Amino acid sequence: MKYLALIYSAPGSNPDFGTPEFAASMEEWNKVNQTYIDAGVMVAGDALQDVATATSIRIRDGKQETMDGPFAETKEQLGGYYLLDCADLDEAIKYAAMIPAARYGTVEVRPIMELG
């Protein structure tokens, strides 16, 4: 059985990218990554770009609503994800709109942050 660990933290609680503090923080993450690899439990892991890069899609009354940002209501809870390899955001939105949960919930599309 596989598990996805979605990591939530308050904005500003992590060091800024490119600072010495960020580099020290990444050393810790790399140690955790290596522990997972050594234990054989690492399948994949990526950091997401800032929530400001998110696009949310809803289907209501058969019409697609696309919004910048994470507009999921607080009563909604994250229940899973698809990792899509698309040419651009428009293509990603097209495929995300096909997810059945878009009709009764919200699908948030976020680019993967490339750190290296």
N, C-alpha and C. Protein backbone atom coordinates (compact mmCIF):
# COMPACT_ATOMS: atom_id res chain seq x y z
N MET A 1 0.85 -1.17 0.00
CA MET A 1 0.00 0.00 0.00
C MET A 1 0.90 1.24 0.00
N LYS A 2 0.55 2.16 -0.81
CA LYS A 2 1.33 3.38 -0.89
C LYS A 2 0.60 4.51 -0.18
N TYR A 3 1.36 5.45 0.36
CA TYR A 3 0.81 6.61 1.05
C TYR A 3 1.45 7.88 0.50
N LEU A 4 0.65 8.91 0.38
CA LEU A 4 1.15 10.22 -0.03
C LEU A 4 1.20 11.09 1.21
N ALA A 5 2.33 11.60 1.52
CA ALA A 5 2.48 12.51 2.66
C ALA A 5 2.48 13.93 2.11
N LEU A 6 1.37 14.62 2.31
CA LEU A 6 1.26 16.02 1.88
C LEU A 6 1.72 16.89 3.03
N ILE A 7 2.67 17.73 2.76
CA ILE A 7 3.31 18.51 3.82
C ILE A 7 2.76 19.93 3.81
N TYR A 8 2.09 20.30 4.88
CA TYR A 8 1.52 21.64 5.03
C TYR A 8 2.32 22.41 6.07
N SER A 9 2.58 23.66 5.81
CA SER A 9 3.23 24.52 6.80
C SER A 9 2.75 25.95 6.59
N ALA A 10 2.90 26.75 7.63
CA ALA A 10 2.47 28.14 7.56
C ALA A 10 3.40 28.92 6.64
N PRO A 11 2.85 29.85 5.83
CA PRO A 11 3.71 30.69 4.98
C PRO A 11 4.77 31.40 5.83
N GLY A 12 5.98 31.41 5.31
CA GLY A 12 7.06 32.08 6.03
C GLY A 12 7.74 31.23 7.08
N SER A 13 7.26 30.00 7.29
CA SER A 13 7.86 29.17 8.33
C SER A 13 9.12 28.45 7.84
N ASN A 14 9.34 28.47 6.54
CA ASN A 14 10.54 27.85 5.96
C ASN A 14 11.51 28.93 5.52
N PRO A 15 12.81 28.64 5.53
CA PRO A 15 13.79 29.63 5.08
C PRO A 15 13.59 29.96 3.60
N ASP A 16 13.96 31.15 3.21
CA ASP A 16 13.84 31.58 1.82
C ASP A 16 14.82 30.82 0.93
N PHE A 17 14.33 30.44 -0.26
CA PHE A 17 15.14 29.75 -1.24
C PHE A 17 16.41 30.54 -1.53
N GLY A 18 17.54 29.85 -1.60
CA GLY A 18 18.81 30.50 -1.94
C GLY A 18 19.59 31.04 -0.77
N THR A 19 19.02 31.05 0.43
CA THR A 19 19.73 31.56 1.60
C THR A 19 20.55 30.43 2.24
N PRO A 20 21.55 30.78 3.07
CA PRO A 20 22.30 29.74 3.79
C PRO A 20 21.38 28.89 4.68
N GLU A 21 20.36 29.52 5.25
CA GLU A 21 19.42 28.79 6.09
C GLU A 21 18.65 27.74 5.26
N PHE A 22 18.32 28.12 4.02
CA PHE A 22 17.63 27.18 3.14
C PHE A 22 18.54 25.99 2.84
N ALA A 23 19.81 26.27 2.55
CA ALA A 23 20.76 25.19 2.27
C ALA A 23 20.87 24.24 3.46
N ALA A 24 20.93 24.78 4.67
CA ALA A 24 20.99 23.93 5.88
C ALA A 24 19.72 23.11 6.02
N SER A 25 18.60 23.72 5.73
CA SER A 25 17.32 23.01 5.78
C SER A 25 17.28 21.87 4.77
N MET A 26 17.79 22.12 3.57
CA MET A 26 17.81 21.09 2.53
C MET A 26 18.68 19.91 2.92
N GLU A 27 19.74 20.16 3.70
CA GLU A 27 20.56 19.05 4.20
C GLU A 27 19.72 18.10 5.04
N GLU A 28 18.84 18.68 5.88
CA GLU A 28 17.95 17.85 6.70
C GLU A 28 16.99 17.05 5.82
N TRP A 29 16.41 17.73 4.82
CA TRP A 29 15.49 17.03 3.90
C TRP A 29 16.22 15.92 3.17
N ASN A 30 17.45 16.18 2.74
CA ASN A 30 18.22 15.16 2.03
C ASN A 30 18.51 13.95 2.91
N LYS A 31 18.76 14.18 4.20
CA LYS A 31 18.98 13.08 5.14
C LYS A 31 17.71 12.23 5.26
N VAL A 32 16.57 12.91 5.37
CA VAL A 32 15.29 12.18 5.44
C VAL A 32 15.08 11.38 4.16
N ASN A 33 15.33 12.04 3.01
CA ASN A 33 15.19 11.34 1.73
C ASN A 33 16.06 10.08 1.69
N GLN A 34 17.31 10.21 2.13
CA GLN A 34 18.22 9.07 2.10
C GLN A 34 17.74 7.96 3.04
N THR A 35 17.19 8.35 4.19
CA THR A 35 16.62 7.35 5.11
C THR A 35 15.50 6.58 4.44
N TYR A 36 14.63 7.30 3.74
CA TYR A 36 13.53 6.64 3.03
C TYR A 36 14.05 5.72 1.93
N ILE A 37 15.07 6.18 1.19
CA ILE A 37 15.66 5.37 0.12
C ILE A 37 16.27 4.11 0.70
N ASP A 38 17.05 4.28 1.77
CA ASP A 38 17.71 3.14 2.41
C ASP A 38 16.69 2.12 2.93
N ALA A 39 15.55 2.62 3.40
CA ALA A 39 14.51 1.74 3.93
C ALA A 39 13.63 1.14 2.82
N GLY A 40 13.82 1.62 1.61
CA GLY A 40 13.03 1.10 0.50
C GLY A 40 11.61 1.61 0.44
N VAL A 41 11.34 2.73 1.10
CA VAL A 41 9.97 3.26 1.12
C VAL A 41 9.78 4.46 0.20
N MET A 42 10.86 4.99 -0.35
CA MET A 42 10.77 6.18 -1.20
C MET A 42 10.31 5.79 -2.60
N VAL A 43 9.15 6.33 -3.02
CA VAL A 43 8.67 6.15 -4.38
C VAL A 43 8.91 7.42 -5.17
N ALA A 44 8.47 8.56 -4.65
CA ALA A 44 8.65 9.86 -5.29
C ALA A 44 8.43 10.95 -4.27
N GLY A 45 9.00 12.11 -4.52
CA GLY A 45 8.78 13.26 -3.65
C GLY A 45 9.18 14.53 -4.38
N ASP A 46 8.35 15.53 -4.26
CA ASP A 46 8.61 16.83 -4.89
C ASP A 46 8.04 17.93 -4.02
N ALA A 47 8.65 19.10 -4.10
CA ALA A 47 8.10 20.30 -3.47
C ALA A 47 7.18 20.97 -4.47
N LEU A 48 6.10 21.52 -4.01
CA LEU A 48 5.19 22.27 -4.87
C LEU A 48 5.58 23.74 -4.89
N GLN A 49 5.33 24.39 -6.00
CA GLN A 49 5.52 25.82 -6.05
C GLN A 49 4.50 26.48 -5.11
N ASP A 50 4.71 27.74 -4.81
CA ASP A 50 3.86 28.48 -3.88
C ASP A 50 2.38 28.34 -4.24
N VAL A 51 1.54 28.35 -3.25
CA VAL A 51 0.10 28.21 -3.44
C VAL A 51 -0.45 29.30 -4.38
N ALA A 52 0.23 30.41 -4.51
CA ALA A 52 -0.20 31.47 -5.43
C ALA A 52 -0.15 31.01 -6.88
N THR A 53 0.57 29.91 -7.18
CA THR A 53 0.64 29.40 -8.55
C THR A 53 -0.49 28.43 -8.86
N ALA A 54 -1.35 28.14 -7.88
CA ALA A 54 -2.41 27.14 -8.05
C ALA A 54 -3.51 27.64 -8.98
N THR A 55 -4.13 26.67 -9.65
CA THR A 55 -5.33 26.90 -10.43
C THR A 55 -6.36 25.88 -9.98
N SER A 56 -7.57 26.31 -9.67
CA SER A 56 -8.62 25.41 -9.21
C SER A 56 -9.71 25.30 -10.26
N ILE A 57 -10.26 24.09 -10.41
CA ILE A 57 -11.29 23.82 -11.40
C ILE A 57 -12.49 23.21 -10.70
N ARG A 58 -13.67 23.69 -11.05
CA ARG A 58 -14.93 23.10 -10.58
C ARG A 58 -15.85 22.94 -11.79
N ILE A 59 -16.65 21.89 -11.76
CA ILE A 59 -17.69 21.72 -12.76
C ILE A 59 -19.02 21.88 -12.02
N ARG A 60 -19.80 22.90 -12.40
CA ARG A 60 -21.10 23.16 -11.77
C ARG A 60 -22.12 23.33 -12.88
N ASP A 61 -23.21 22.57 -12.76
CA ASP A 61 -24.26 22.61 -13.77
C ASP A 61 -23.68 22.39 -15.16
N GLY A 62 -22.69 21.50 -15.28
CA GLY A 62 -22.09 21.17 -16.56
C GLY A 62 -21.13 22.21 -17.10
N LYS A 63 -20.87 23.28 -16.35
CA LYS A 63 -19.96 24.33 -16.80
C LYS A 63 -18.68 24.32 -15.97
N GLN A 64 -17.56 24.51 -16.66
CA GLN A 64 -16.26 24.53 -15.99
C GLN A 64 -15.98 25.92 -15.45
N GLU A 65 -15.61 25.98 -14.18
CA GLU A 65 -15.16 27.23 -13.55
C GLU A 65 -13.67 27.05 -13.25
N THR A 66 -12.85 27.98 -13.70
CA THR A 66 -11.42 27.94 -13.46
C THR A 66 -11.03 29.20 -12.70
N MET A 67 -10.33 29.00 -11.56
CA MET A 67 -9.97 30.13 -10.70
C MET A 67 -8.49 30.08 -10.37
N ASP A 68 -7.84 31.22 -10.35
CA ASP A 68 -6.46 31.29 -9.87
C ASP A 68 -6.47 31.11 -8.36
N GLY A 69 -5.57 30.30 -7.88
CA GLY A 69 -5.44 30.12 -6.45
C GLY A 69 -6.20 28.92 -5.93
N PRO A 70 -5.98 28.60 -4.67
CA PRO A 70 -6.64 27.46 -4.03
C PRO A 70 -7.97 27.90 -3.43
N PHE A 71 -9.05 27.65 -4.12
CA PHE A 71 -10.34 28.11 -3.64
C PHE A 71 -11.19 27.01 -3.06
N ALA A 72 -10.57 25.92 -2.60
CA ALA A 72 -11.33 24.85 -1.95
C ALA A 72 -11.91 25.38 -0.65
N GLU A 73 -13.16 25.04 -0.38
CA GLU A 73 -13.78 25.48 0.87
C GLU A 73 -13.17 24.71 2.02
N THR A 74 -13.20 25.29 3.22
CA THR A 74 -12.54 24.66 4.36
C THR A 74 -13.14 23.31 4.69
N LYS A 75 -14.38 23.07 4.35
CA LYS A 75 -14.97 21.77 4.64
C LYS A 75 -14.43 20.67 3.73
N GLU A 76 -13.81 21.05 2.63
CA GLU A 76 -13.23 20.07 1.73
C GLU A 76 -11.88 19.61 2.26
N GLN A 77 -11.59 18.35 2.12
CA GLN A 77 -10.32 17.79 2.57
C GLN A 77 -9.62 17.15 1.40
N LEU A 78 -8.32 17.21 1.40
CA LEU A 78 -7.53 16.58 0.35
C LEU A 78 -7.68 15.08 0.45
N GLY A 79 -8.01 14.46 -0.66
CA GLY A 79 -8.25 13.02 -0.64
C GLY A 79 -7.36 12.24 -1.59
N GLY A 80 -6.59 12.88 -2.44
CA GLY A 80 -5.72 12.17 -3.36
C GLY A 80 -5.13 13.11 -4.38
N TYR A 81 -4.38 12.54 -5.33
CA TYR A 81 -3.77 13.38 -6.37
C TYR A 81 -3.47 12.56 -7.61
N TYR A 82 -3.36 13.22 -8.69
CA TYR A 82 -2.83 12.69 -9.94
C TYR A 82 -1.59 13.52 -10.27
N LEU A 83 -0.53 12.87 -10.72
CA LEU A 83 0.64 13.57 -11.21
C LEU A 83 0.57 13.53 -12.73
N LEU A 84 0.37 14.65 -13.35
CA LEU A 84 0.20 14.75 -14.79
C LEU A 84 1.44 15.37 -15.43
N ASP A 85 1.87 14.85 -16.57
CA ASP A 85 2.98 15.41 -17.32
C ASP A 85 2.40 16.11 -18.54
N CYS A 86 2.24 17.41 -18.47
CA CYS A 86 1.56 18.19 -19.51
C CYS A 86 2.49 19.23 -20.10
N ALA A 87 2.17 19.66 -21.31
CA ALA A 87 2.98 20.66 -22.00
C ALA A 87 2.90 22.02 -21.31
N ASP A 88 1.74 22.35 -20.75
CA ASP A 88 1.56 23.66 -20.12
C ASP A 88 0.35 23.62 -19.19
N LEU A 89 0.08 24.74 -18.54
CA LEU A 89 -1.02 24.82 -17.58
C LEU A 89 -2.36 24.56 -18.24
N ASP A 90 -2.56 25.07 -19.44
CA ASP A 90 -3.85 24.86 -20.12
C ASP A 90 -4.13 23.37 -20.34
N GLU A 91 -3.12 22.62 -20.73
CA GLU A 91 -3.30 21.18 -20.92
C GLU A 91 -3.58 20.50 -19.58
N ALA A 92 -2.88 20.93 -18.54
CA ALA A 92 -3.11 20.36 -17.21
C ALA A 92 -4.54 20.64 -16.74
N ILE A 93 -5.03 21.84 -17.00
CA ILE A 93 -6.41 22.19 -16.62
C ILE A 93 -7.40 21.32 -17.38
N LYS A 94 -7.13 21.10 -18.67
CA LYS A 94 -8.02 20.26 -19.49
C LYS A 94 -8.16 18.87 -18.87
N TYR A 95 -7.04 18.27 -18.50
CA TYR A 95 -7.09 16.94 -17.91
C TYR A 95 -7.66 16.96 -16.50
N ALA A 96 -7.33 17.97 -15.71
CA ALA A 96 -7.85 18.05 -14.34
C ALA A 96 -9.37 18.19 -14.33
N ALA A 97 -9.91 18.88 -15.32
CA ALA A 97 -11.36 19.05 -15.40
C ALA A 97 -12.09 17.73 -15.64
N MET A 98 -11.37 16.71 -16.09
CA MET A 98 -11.95 15.39 -16.34
C MET A 98 -12.07 14.55 -15.07
N ILE A 99 -11.44 14.97 -14.01
CA ILE A 99 -11.49 14.22 -12.76
C ILE A 99 -12.89 14.32 -12.19
N PRO A 100 -13.52 13.19 -11.89
CA PRO A 100 -14.92 13.21 -11.42
C PRO A 100 -15.16 14.11 -10.21
N ALA A 101 -14.24 14.19 -9.30
CA ALA A 101 -14.43 15.01 -8.09
C ALA A 101 -14.59 16.49 -8.41
N ALA A 102 -14.22 16.93 -9.61
CA ALA A 102 -14.40 18.34 -9.98
C ALA A 102 -15.88 18.72 -10.00
N ARG A 103 -16.77 17.75 -10.13
CA ARG A 103 -18.21 18.02 -10.17
C ARG A 103 -18.80 18.31 -8.79
N TYR A 104 -18.18 17.82 -7.75
CA TYR A 104 -18.74 18.02 -6.40
C TYR A 104 -17.71 18.58 -5.42
N GLY A 105 -16.47 18.71 -5.83
CA GLY A 105 -15.41 19.26 -4.99
C GLY A 105 -14.58 20.23 -5.79
N THR A 106 -13.29 20.29 -5.52
CA THR A 106 -12.38 21.18 -6.21
C THR A 106 -11.10 20.42 -6.55
N VAL A 107 -10.60 20.59 -7.76
CA VAL A 107 -9.32 20.04 -8.16
C VAL A 107 -8.35 21.20 -8.27
N GLU A 108 -7.27 21.14 -7.48
CA GLU A 108 -6.26 22.19 -7.50
C GLU A 108 -5.08 21.72 -8.35
N VAL A 109 -4.67 22.53 -9.32
CA VAL A 109 -3.53 22.22 -10.18
C VAL A 109 -2.38 23.13 -9.77
N ARG A 110 -1.23 22.49 -9.41
CA ARG A 110 -0.06 23.27 -9.01
C ARG A 110 1.18 22.72 -9.70
N PRO A 111 2.02 23.60 -10.22
CA PRO A 111 3.29 23.14 -10.81
C PRO A 111 4.23 22.60 -9.74
N ILE A 112 5.05 21.66 -10.15
CA ILE A 112 6.09 21.12 -9.26
C ILE A 112 7.27 22.11 -9.24
N MET A 113 7.79 22.38 -8.07
CA MET A 113 8.94 23.27 -7.93
C MET A 113 10.21 22.49 -8.27
N GLU A 114 10.98 22.98 -9.20
CA GLU A 114 12.23 22.35 -9.56
C GLU A 114 13.37 23.04 -8.81
N LEU A 115 13.98 22.32 -7.88
CA LEU A 115 15.00 22.90 -7.01
C LEU A 115 16.42 22.74 -7.52
N GLY A 116 16.60 21.96 -8.55
CA GLY A 116 17.97 21.73 -8.94
C GLY A 116 18.21 21.77 -10.34
